[in-house]
Amino acid sequence: MPVNRTVNVSVVFNCVQHGASDFGGSATYSQTGSTPANLGTVVDSQGNIDMQQAAAYDPSRYNDSVDFVFTLAPQSTGYVTPVTWATRHGVGATIIVPQGGSASEFVVQQSPATPQQLTIIDNDDDSSTYNYKPAIELPTHNNYYISLDPRIVNKPSSTN
């Protein structure tokens, strides 16, 4: 039975403190692996995903669905504080659908056992472009909520 393809993405969030209780920052993304291994690079440094760049796959081994596994890496610059994907004041990612589209194609998974990891499962079964809106929280600052900008653009692999 065919299984989902997987794209592993490391997210470095650089948190900056602007005032006593005002935080912000930026994120950079890097694709760290995939299944199948020869999928190719489909994620850029802004997190944008272009499945049109993916290599062809064996449909007897893999289906249309893609699991995007985003893992928060330690901060590299700025005000250093632990960050986790949002859970208390919002969800770790929202999906922004195109005109007339539906987010039913997606599943966002988070586990308390792995707060640094966020998985977005995309059925990738249509030809629409979607946006992901990730969000993090600062546990040591009352789960201060930061929505990441810019949105991640996910271009489909199909061209129906």
N, C-alpha and C. Protein backbone atom coordinates (compact mmCIF):
# COMPACT_ATOMS: atom_id res chain seq x y z
N MET A 1 0.84 -1.18 0.00
CA MET A 1 0.00 0.00 0.00
C MET A 1 0.89 1.25 0.00
N PRO A 2 0.66 2.18 -0.93
CA PRO A 2 1.48 3.39 -0.99
C PRO A 2 1.36 4.24 0.28
N VAL A 3 2.45 4.90 0.65
CA VAL A 3 2.49 5.76 1.84
C VAL A 3 2.77 7.20 1.43
N ASN A 4 2.58 8.13 2.38
CA ASN A 4 2.85 9.54 2.13
C ASN A 4 4.33 9.79 1.91
N ARG A 5 4.64 10.75 1.07
CA ARG A 5 6.00 11.26 0.96
C ARG A 5 6.22 12.18 2.17
N THR A 6 7.47 12.44 2.55
CA THR A 6 7.77 13.29 3.70
C THR A 6 8.84 14.30 3.32
N VAL A 7 8.65 15.55 3.77
CA VAL A 7 9.65 16.60 3.61
C VAL A 7 9.97 17.12 5.01
N ASN A 8 11.24 17.01 5.43
CA ASN A 8 11.68 17.50 6.75
C ASN A 8 12.25 18.90 6.59
N VAL A 9 11.77 19.82 7.45
CA VAL A 9 12.18 21.21 7.35
C VAL A 9 12.63 21.70 8.72
N SER A 10 13.85 22.23 8.79
CA SER A 10 14.35 22.86 10.02
C SER A 10 13.97 24.33 9.99
N VAL A 11 13.43 24.82 11.11
CA VAL A 11 13.01 26.22 11.21
C VAL A 11 13.85 26.89 12.30
N VAL A 12 14.62 27.90 11.92
CA VAL A 12 15.37 28.68 12.89
C VAL A 12 14.59 29.97 13.11
N PHE A 13 14.10 30.14 14.34
CA PHE A 13 13.36 31.36 14.68
C PHE A 13 14.28 32.24 15.50
N ASN A 14 14.49 33.44 15.03
CA ASN A 14 15.34 34.40 15.73
C ASN A 14 14.45 35.37 16.48
N CYS A 15 14.31 35.13 17.78
CA CYS A 15 13.42 35.93 18.62
C CYS A 15 14.12 37.22 19.03
N VAL A 16 13.38 38.33 18.98
CA VAL A 16 13.90 39.64 19.36
C VAL A 16 12.94 40.25 20.37
N GLN A 17 13.50 40.78 21.46
CA GLN A 17 12.68 41.46 22.46
C GLN A 17 12.74 42.96 22.20
N HIS A 18 11.55 43.58 22.00
CA HIS A 18 11.47 45.01 21.69
C HIS A 18 11.20 45.85 22.93
N GLY A 19 10.64 45.26 23.96
CA GLY A 19 10.32 45.95 25.20
C GLY A 19 10.09 44.91 26.28
N ALA A 20 9.62 45.35 27.44
CA ALA A 20 9.45 44.44 28.56
C ALA A 20 8.58 43.24 28.22
N SER A 21 7.53 43.46 27.45
CA SER A 21 6.65 42.34 27.08
C SER A 21 6.24 42.42 25.61
N ASP A 22 7.21 42.77 24.76
CA ASP A 22 6.96 42.89 23.33
C ASP A 22 8.06 42.13 22.59
N PHE A 23 7.65 41.08 21.88
CA PHE A 23 8.60 40.23 21.19
C PHE A 23 8.24 40.12 19.71
N GLY A 24 9.20 39.79 18.92
CA GLY A 24 8.99 39.55 17.50
C GLY A 24 10.13 38.70 17.01
N GLY A 25 10.32 38.68 15.72
CA GLY A 25 11.42 37.92 15.17
C GLY A 25 11.18 37.51 13.74
N SER A 26 12.05 36.65 13.28
CA SER A 26 11.94 36.17 11.90
C SER A 26 12.33 34.70 11.88
N ALA A 27 11.97 34.03 10.81
CA ALA A 27 12.28 32.61 10.68
C ALA A 27 12.97 32.36 9.35
N THR A 28 13.88 31.40 9.37
CA THR A 28 14.47 30.89 8.14
C THR A 28 14.26 29.38 8.13
N TYR A 29 14.15 28.85 6.95
CA TYR A 29 13.78 27.45 6.76
C TYR A 29 14.83 26.76 5.90
N SER A 30 15.06 25.49 6.20
CA SER A 30 15.93 24.70 5.32
C SER A 30 15.42 23.27 5.28
N GLN A 31 15.36 22.75 4.09
CA GLN A 31 14.93 21.36 3.92
C GLN A 31 16.09 20.47 4.34
N THR A 32 15.82 19.56 5.27
CA THR A 32 16.90 18.73 5.82
C THR A 32 16.83 17.28 5.36
N GLY A 33 15.82 16.93 4.63
CA GLY A 33 15.70 15.57 4.14
C GLY A 33 14.33 15.31 3.59
N SER A 34 14.16 14.12 3.01
CA SER A 34 12.86 13.77 2.44
C SER A 34 12.78 12.26 2.25
N THR A 35 11.57 11.80 2.10
CA THR A 35 11.30 10.42 1.73
C THR A 35 10.29 10.47 0.59
N PRO A 36 10.65 9.99 -0.57
CA PRO A 36 11.90 9.32 -0.91
C PRO A 36 13.07 10.31 -0.88
N ALA A 37 14.26 9.77 -0.70
CA ALA A 37 15.46 10.61 -0.58
C ALA A 37 15.73 11.42 -1.84
N ASN A 38 15.29 10.95 -2.98
CA ASN A 38 15.55 11.66 -4.24
C ASN A 38 14.41 12.60 -4.62
N LEU A 39 13.60 13.02 -3.65
CA LEU A 39 12.47 13.93 -3.91
C LEU A 39 12.94 15.24 -4.52
N GLY A 40 14.12 15.71 -4.11
CA GLY A 40 14.62 17.00 -4.59
C GLY A 40 14.33 18.09 -3.59
N THR A 41 14.89 19.27 -3.83
CA THR A 41 14.69 20.41 -2.94
C THR A 41 13.40 21.13 -3.34
N VAL A 42 12.45 21.16 -2.43
CA VAL A 42 11.16 21.79 -2.71
C VAL A 42 10.86 22.94 -1.76
N VAL A 43 11.75 23.21 -0.77
CA VAL A 43 11.53 24.27 0.23
C VAL A 43 12.65 25.29 0.11
N ASP A 44 12.27 26.59 0.03
CA ASP A 44 13.30 27.64 -0.01
C ASP A 44 13.51 28.22 1.39
N SER A 45 14.42 29.19 1.52
CA SER A 45 14.78 29.73 2.83
C SER A 45 13.66 30.52 3.50
N GLN A 46 12.65 30.95 2.73
CA GLN A 46 11.48 31.62 3.31
C GLN A 46 10.41 30.61 3.70
N GLY A 47 10.66 29.32 3.46
CA GLY A 47 9.71 28.27 3.79
C GLY A 47 8.76 27.93 2.66
N ASN A 48 8.82 28.67 1.58
CA ASN A 48 7.91 28.41 0.47
C ASN A 48 8.17 27.03 -0.12
N ILE A 49 7.09 26.35 -0.45
CA ILE A 49 7.13 24.98 -0.94
C ILE A 49 6.66 24.96 -2.38
N ASP A 50 7.43 24.32 -3.23
CA ASP A 50 7.05 24.20 -4.64
C ASP A 50 7.15 22.73 -5.03
N MET A 51 6.05 22.02 -4.90
CA MET A 51 6.04 20.60 -5.22
C MET A 51 6.19 20.34 -6.71
N GLN A 52 6.09 21.40 -7.53
CA GLN A 52 6.36 21.24 -8.96
C GLN A 52 7.83 20.93 -9.19
N GLN A 53 8.69 21.22 -8.19
CA GLN A 53 10.12 20.94 -8.28
C GLN A 53 10.46 19.52 -7.83
N ALA A 54 9.47 18.80 -7.30
CA ALA A 54 9.71 17.45 -6.79
C ALA A 54 9.94 16.47 -7.93
N ALA A 55 10.82 15.53 -7.68
CA ALA A 55 11.08 14.46 -8.65
C ALA A 55 9.86 13.54 -8.73
N ALA A 56 9.72 12.89 -9.85
CA ALA A 56 8.64 11.90 -10.01
C ALA A 56 8.84 10.80 -8.96
N TYR A 57 7.75 10.19 -8.55
CA TYR A 57 7.83 9.14 -7.55
C TYR A 57 7.09 7.91 -8.04
N ASP A 58 7.42 6.80 -7.45
CA ASP A 58 6.83 5.52 -7.79
C ASP A 58 5.45 5.42 -7.12
N PRO A 59 4.34 5.50 -7.87
CA PRO A 59 3.00 5.46 -7.27
C PRO A 59 2.66 4.13 -6.62
N SER A 60 3.45 3.10 -6.87
CA SER A 60 3.20 1.84 -6.16
C SER A 60 3.77 1.89 -4.75
N ARG A 61 4.67 2.86 -4.48
CA ARG A 61 5.28 3.01 -3.15
C ARG A 61 4.77 4.23 -2.40
N TYR A 62 4.42 5.32 -3.14
CA TYR A 62 4.03 6.58 -2.52
C TYR A 62 2.73 7.09 -3.13
N ASN A 63 1.91 7.76 -2.31
CA ASN A 63 0.67 8.36 -2.79
C ASN A 63 0.88 9.87 -3.01
N ASP A 64 -0.22 10.58 -3.32
CA ASP A 64 -0.14 12.03 -3.56
C ASP A 64 0.18 12.83 -2.30
N SER A 65 -0.18 12.32 -1.12
CA SER A 65 -0.04 13.09 0.12
C SER A 65 1.42 13.31 0.49
N VAL A 66 1.65 14.49 1.11
CA VAL A 66 2.99 14.86 1.56
C VAL A 66 2.89 15.31 3.02
N ASP A 67 3.74 14.74 3.89
CA ASP A 67 3.85 15.17 5.28
C ASP A 67 5.00 16.16 5.36
N PHE A 68 4.69 17.42 5.70
CA PHE A 68 5.72 18.43 5.90
C PHE A 68 5.98 18.49 7.40
N VAL A 69 7.17 18.09 7.82
CA VAL A 69 7.52 18.04 9.24
C VAL A 69 8.44 19.22 9.53
N PHE A 70 7.90 20.24 10.24
CA PHE A 70 8.64 21.44 10.60
C PHE A 70 9.18 21.26 12.02
N THR A 71 10.50 21.38 12.18
CA THR A 71 11.13 21.22 13.49
C THR A 71 11.83 22.51 13.86
N LEU A 72 11.46 23.07 15.03
CA LEU A 72 12.10 24.29 15.50
C LEU A 72 13.52 23.97 15.96
N ALA A 73 14.48 24.69 15.42
CA ALA A 73 15.88 24.54 15.80
C ALA A 73 16.22 25.59 16.85
N PRO A 74 17.32 25.42 17.57
CA PRO A 74 17.72 26.45 18.54
C PRO A 74 17.92 27.79 17.84
N GLN A 75 17.65 28.87 18.58
CA GLN A 75 17.80 30.21 18.01
C GLN A 75 19.26 30.48 17.73
N SER A 76 19.53 31.28 16.71
CA SER A 76 20.91 31.56 16.36
C SER A 76 21.34 32.99 16.67
N THR A 77 20.39 33.93 16.72
CA THR A 77 20.74 35.32 17.03
C THR A 77 19.62 35.95 17.82
N GLY A 78 19.88 37.14 18.32
CA GLY A 78 18.84 37.91 19.00
C GLY A 78 18.61 37.45 20.42
N TYR A 79 17.50 37.85 20.96
CA TYR A 79 17.11 37.51 22.33
C TYR A 79 16.81 36.02 22.38
N VAL A 80 17.54 35.28 23.18
CA VAL A 80 17.39 33.83 23.20
C VAL A 80 16.42 33.41 24.30
N THR A 81 15.36 32.75 23.89
CA THR A 81 14.38 32.20 24.81
C THR A 81 13.79 30.97 24.13
N PRO A 82 13.38 29.99 24.89
CA PRO A 82 12.78 28.81 24.24
C PRO A 82 11.53 29.18 23.45
N VAL A 83 11.33 28.53 22.34
CA VAL A 83 10.12 28.72 21.55
C VAL A 83 9.53 27.34 21.27
N THR A 84 8.21 27.29 21.18
CA THR A 84 7.50 26.08 20.79
C THR A 84 6.44 26.48 19.78
N TRP A 85 5.93 25.51 19.05
CA TRP A 85 4.81 25.81 18.16
C TRP A 85 3.62 26.16 19.03
N ALA A 86 2.82 27.09 18.59
CA ALA A 86 1.70 27.59 19.38
C ALA A 86 0.70 26.48 19.69
N THR A 87 0.21 26.49 20.93
CA THR A 87 -0.86 25.58 21.34
C THR A 87 -1.84 26.27 22.27
N ARG A 88 -1.35 27.17 23.12
CA ARG A 88 -2.22 27.78 24.14
C ARG A 88 -3.06 28.93 23.60
N HIS A 89 -2.45 29.84 22.85
CA HIS A 89 -3.16 31.04 22.37
C HIS A 89 -3.53 30.96 20.90
N GLY A 90 -3.36 29.82 20.31
CA GLY A 90 -3.67 29.60 18.90
C GLY A 90 -3.06 28.29 18.48
N VAL A 91 -3.23 27.95 17.23
CA VAL A 91 -2.69 26.70 16.71
C VAL A 91 -1.33 26.94 16.08
N GLY A 92 -0.56 25.87 15.91
CA GLY A 92 0.79 25.97 15.36
C GLY A 92 0.83 26.42 13.91
N ALA A 93 -0.26 26.19 13.20
CA ALA A 93 -0.33 26.66 11.81
C ALA A 93 -1.78 26.71 11.38
N THR A 94 -2.11 27.74 10.66
CA THR A 94 -3.42 27.81 10.01
C THR A 94 -3.18 27.75 8.51
N ILE A 95 -4.17 27.25 7.82
CA ILE A 95 -4.09 27.12 6.37
C ILE A 95 -5.00 28.17 5.75
N ILE A 96 -4.46 28.97 4.87
CA ILE A 96 -5.24 29.99 4.17
C ILE A 96 -5.55 29.43 2.79
N VAL A 97 -6.82 29.29 2.50
CA VAL A 97 -7.23 28.63 1.26
C VAL A 97 -7.48 29.64 0.14
N PRO A 98 -7.31 29.20 -1.11
CA PRO A 98 -7.60 30.09 -2.23
C PRO A 98 -9.10 30.34 -2.35
N GLN A 99 -9.47 31.29 -3.15
CA GLN A 99 -10.88 31.61 -3.38
C GLN A 99 -11.66 30.34 -3.72
N GLY A 100 -12.65 30.03 -2.92
CA GLY A 100 -13.49 28.87 -3.20
C GLY A 100 -12.88 27.55 -2.77
N GLY A 101 -11.69 27.58 -2.16
CA GLY A 101 -11.02 26.36 -1.74
C GLY A 101 -11.45 25.91 -0.36
N SER A 102 -10.86 24.82 0.08
CA SER A 102 -11.19 24.25 1.38
C SER A 102 -9.93 23.76 2.05
N ALA A 103 -9.86 23.94 3.38
CA ALA A 103 -8.70 23.46 4.13
C ALA A 103 -8.86 21.98 4.48
N SER A 104 -9.92 21.33 3.99
CA SER A 104 -10.14 19.92 4.32
C SER A 104 -9.06 19.03 3.71
N GLU A 105 -8.26 19.57 2.80
CA GLU A 105 -7.17 18.82 2.20
C GLU A 105 -6.00 18.66 3.17
N PHE A 106 -6.01 19.41 4.28
CA PHE A 106 -4.88 19.46 5.19
C PHE A 106 -5.23 18.94 6.58
N VAL A 107 -4.21 18.40 7.25
CA VAL A 107 -4.29 18.05 8.66
C VAL A 107 -3.06 18.64 9.32
N VAL A 108 -3.26 19.39 10.42
CA VAL A 108 -2.14 19.92 11.19
C VAL A 108 -2.04 19.08 12.45
N GLN A 109 -0.86 18.49 12.66
CA GLN A 109 -0.66 17.62 13.82
C GLN A 109 0.41 18.18 14.74
N GLN A 110 0.11 18.18 16.04
CA GLN A 110 1.06 18.58 17.06
C GLN A 110 0.94 17.59 18.20
N SER A 111 2.05 17.36 18.89
CA SER A 111 2.03 16.44 20.02
C SER A 111 2.74 17.09 21.20
N PRO A 112 2.13 17.04 22.40
CA PRO A 112 2.81 17.58 23.58
C PRO A 112 4.16 16.89 23.83
N ALA A 113 4.31 15.68 23.35
CA ALA A 113 5.56 14.94 23.54
C ALA A 113 6.70 15.53 22.69
N THR A 114 6.35 16.21 21.59
CA THR A 114 7.36 16.81 20.70
C THR A 114 6.96 18.25 20.37
N PRO A 115 7.05 19.17 21.37
CA PRO A 115 6.58 20.55 21.15
C PRO A 115 7.38 21.31 20.11
N GLN A 116 8.55 20.82 19.73
CA GLN A 116 9.36 21.49 18.73
C GLN A 116 8.99 21.07 17.31
N GLN A 117 8.03 20.15 17.20
CA GLN A 117 7.70 19.58 15.89
C GLN A 117 6.24 19.86 15.52
N LEU A 118 6.04 20.21 14.27
CA LEU A 118 4.72 20.50 13.71
C LEU A 118 4.65 19.79 12.37
N THR A 119 3.59 19.01 12.18
CA THR A 119 3.44 18.30 10.90
C THR A 119 2.19 18.79 10.19
N ILE A 120 2.34 19.15 8.94
CA ILE A 120 1.22 19.53 8.09
C ILE A 120 1.12 18.47 7.01
N ILE A 121 -0.01 17.76 7.00
CA ILE A 121 -0.23 16.72 5.99
C ILE A 121 -1.08 17.33 4.89
N ASP A 122 -0.55 17.32 3.69
CA ASP A 122 -1.20 17.90 2.52
C ASP A 122 -1.55 16.76 1.57
N ASN A 123 -2.85 16.60 1.26
CA ASN A 123 -3.26 15.56 0.32
C ASN A 123 -2.68 15.79 -1.08
N ASP A 124 -2.33 17.05 -1.38
CA ASP A 124 -1.73 17.42 -2.67
C ASP A 124 -2.48 16.81 -3.85
N ASP A 125 -3.81 16.82 -3.72
CA ASP A 125 -4.63 16.19 -4.77
C ASP A 125 -5.41 17.18 -5.61
N ASP A 126 -5.01 18.44 -5.56
CA ASP A 126 -5.65 19.42 -6.44
C ASP A 126 -4.58 20.34 -7.01
N SER A 127 -4.98 21.30 -7.80
CA SER A 127 -4.02 22.18 -8.45
C SER A 127 -4.02 23.58 -7.83
N SER A 128 -4.48 23.71 -6.58
CA SER A 128 -4.56 25.01 -5.93
C SER A 128 -3.28 25.31 -5.15
N THR A 129 -2.99 26.60 -5.03
CA THR A 129 -1.89 27.08 -4.21
C THR A 129 -2.47 27.52 -2.87
N TYR A 130 -1.85 27.08 -1.77
CA TYR A 130 -2.32 27.40 -0.42
C TYR A 130 -1.23 28.17 0.31
N ASN A 131 -1.61 28.84 1.41
CA ASN A 131 -0.65 29.49 2.29
C ASN A 131 -0.73 28.85 3.66
N TYR A 132 0.44 28.67 4.29
CA TYR A 132 0.50 28.23 5.68
C TYR A 132 0.87 29.45 6.52
N LYS A 133 0.25 29.57 7.67
CA LYS A 133 0.56 30.67 8.58
C LYS A 133 1.01 30.06 9.91
N PRO A 134 2.33 29.75 10.05
CA PRO A 134 2.82 29.16 11.29
C PRO A 134 2.81 30.18 12.44
N ALA A 135 2.78 29.66 13.67
CA ALA A 135 2.81 30.52 14.85
C ALA A 135 3.57 29.80 15.96
N ILE A 136 4.33 30.59 16.72
CA ILE A 136 5.07 30.04 17.85
C ILE A 136 4.62 30.73 19.14
N GLU A 137 5.00 30.15 20.27
CA GLU A 137 4.77 30.77 21.58
C GLU A 137 6.06 30.72 22.37
N LEU A 138 6.17 31.66 23.32
CA LEU A 138 7.34 31.73 24.20
C LEU A 138 6.91 31.23 25.58
N PRO A 139 7.18 29.96 25.91
CA PRO A 139 6.71 29.38 27.17
C PRO A 139 7.18 30.13 28.42
N THR A 140 8.38 30.72 28.38
CA THR A 140 8.90 31.42 29.56
C THR A 140 8.34 32.84 29.69
N HIS A 141 7.49 33.23 28.75
CA HIS A 141 6.87 34.57 28.78
C HIS A 141 5.36 34.44 28.61
N ASN A 142 4.75 33.61 29.46
CA ASN A 142 3.29 33.40 29.47
C ASN A 142 2.77 32.99 28.10
N ASN A 143 3.54 32.19 27.40
CA ASN A 143 3.17 31.70 26.06
C ASN A 143 2.83 32.84 25.10
N TYR A 144 3.67 33.89 25.14
CA TYR A 144 3.53 35.01 24.21
C TYR A 144 3.43 34.44 22.79
N TYR A 145 2.42 34.87 22.05
CA TYR A 145 2.08 34.31 20.74
C TYR A 145 2.66 35.17 19.63
N ILE A 146 3.38 34.56 18.70
CA ILE A 146 3.93 35.27 17.55
C ILE A 146 3.54 34.52 16.28
N SER A 147 2.80 35.19 15.41
CA SER A 147 2.44 34.63 14.11
C SER A 147 3.55 34.96 13.14
N LEU A 148 4.06 33.95 12.44
CA LEU A 148 5.22 34.17 11.58
C LEU A 148 4.81 34.77 10.23
N ASP A 149 5.53 35.79 9.83
CA ASP A 149 5.37 36.41 8.53
C ASP A 149 6.69 36.31 7.79
N PRO A 150 6.70 36.22 6.50
CA PRO A 150 5.52 36.11 5.64
C PRO A 150 4.94 34.71 5.67
N ARG A 151 3.75 34.59 5.12
CA ARG A 151 3.11 33.27 5.00
C ARG A 151 3.95 32.38 4.10
N ILE A 152 3.86 31.08 4.35
CA ILE A 152 4.52 30.11 3.49
C ILE A 152 3.58 29.78 2.33
N VAL A 153 4.10 29.84 1.13
CA VAL A 153 3.31 29.50 -0.06
C VAL A 153 3.58 28.05 -0.41
N ASN A 154 2.51 27.27 -0.62
CA ASN A 154 2.65 25.88 -1.02
C ASN A 154 2.01 25.71 -2.40
N LYS A 155 2.87 25.54 -3.41
CA LYS A 155 2.39 25.30 -4.77
C LYS A 155 2.21 23.80 -4.96
N PRO A 156 1.14 23.39 -5.63
CA PRO A 156 0.85 21.96 -5.78
C PRO A 156 1.76 21.28 -6.79
N SER A 157 1.76 19.95 -6.73
CA SER A 157 2.53 19.21 -7.73
C SER A 157 1.68 18.89 -8.94
N SER A 158 0.37 18.79 -8.73
CA SER A 158 -0.51 18.47 -9.86
C SER A 158 -0.85 19.74 -10.63
N THR A 159 -1.14 19.58 -11.88
CA THR A 159 -1.52 20.72 -12.72
C THR A 159 -2.84 20.40 -13.41
N ASN A 160 -3.78 19.81 -12.66
CA ASN A 160 -5.10 19.41 -13.23
C ASN A 160 -5.79 20.58 -13.87
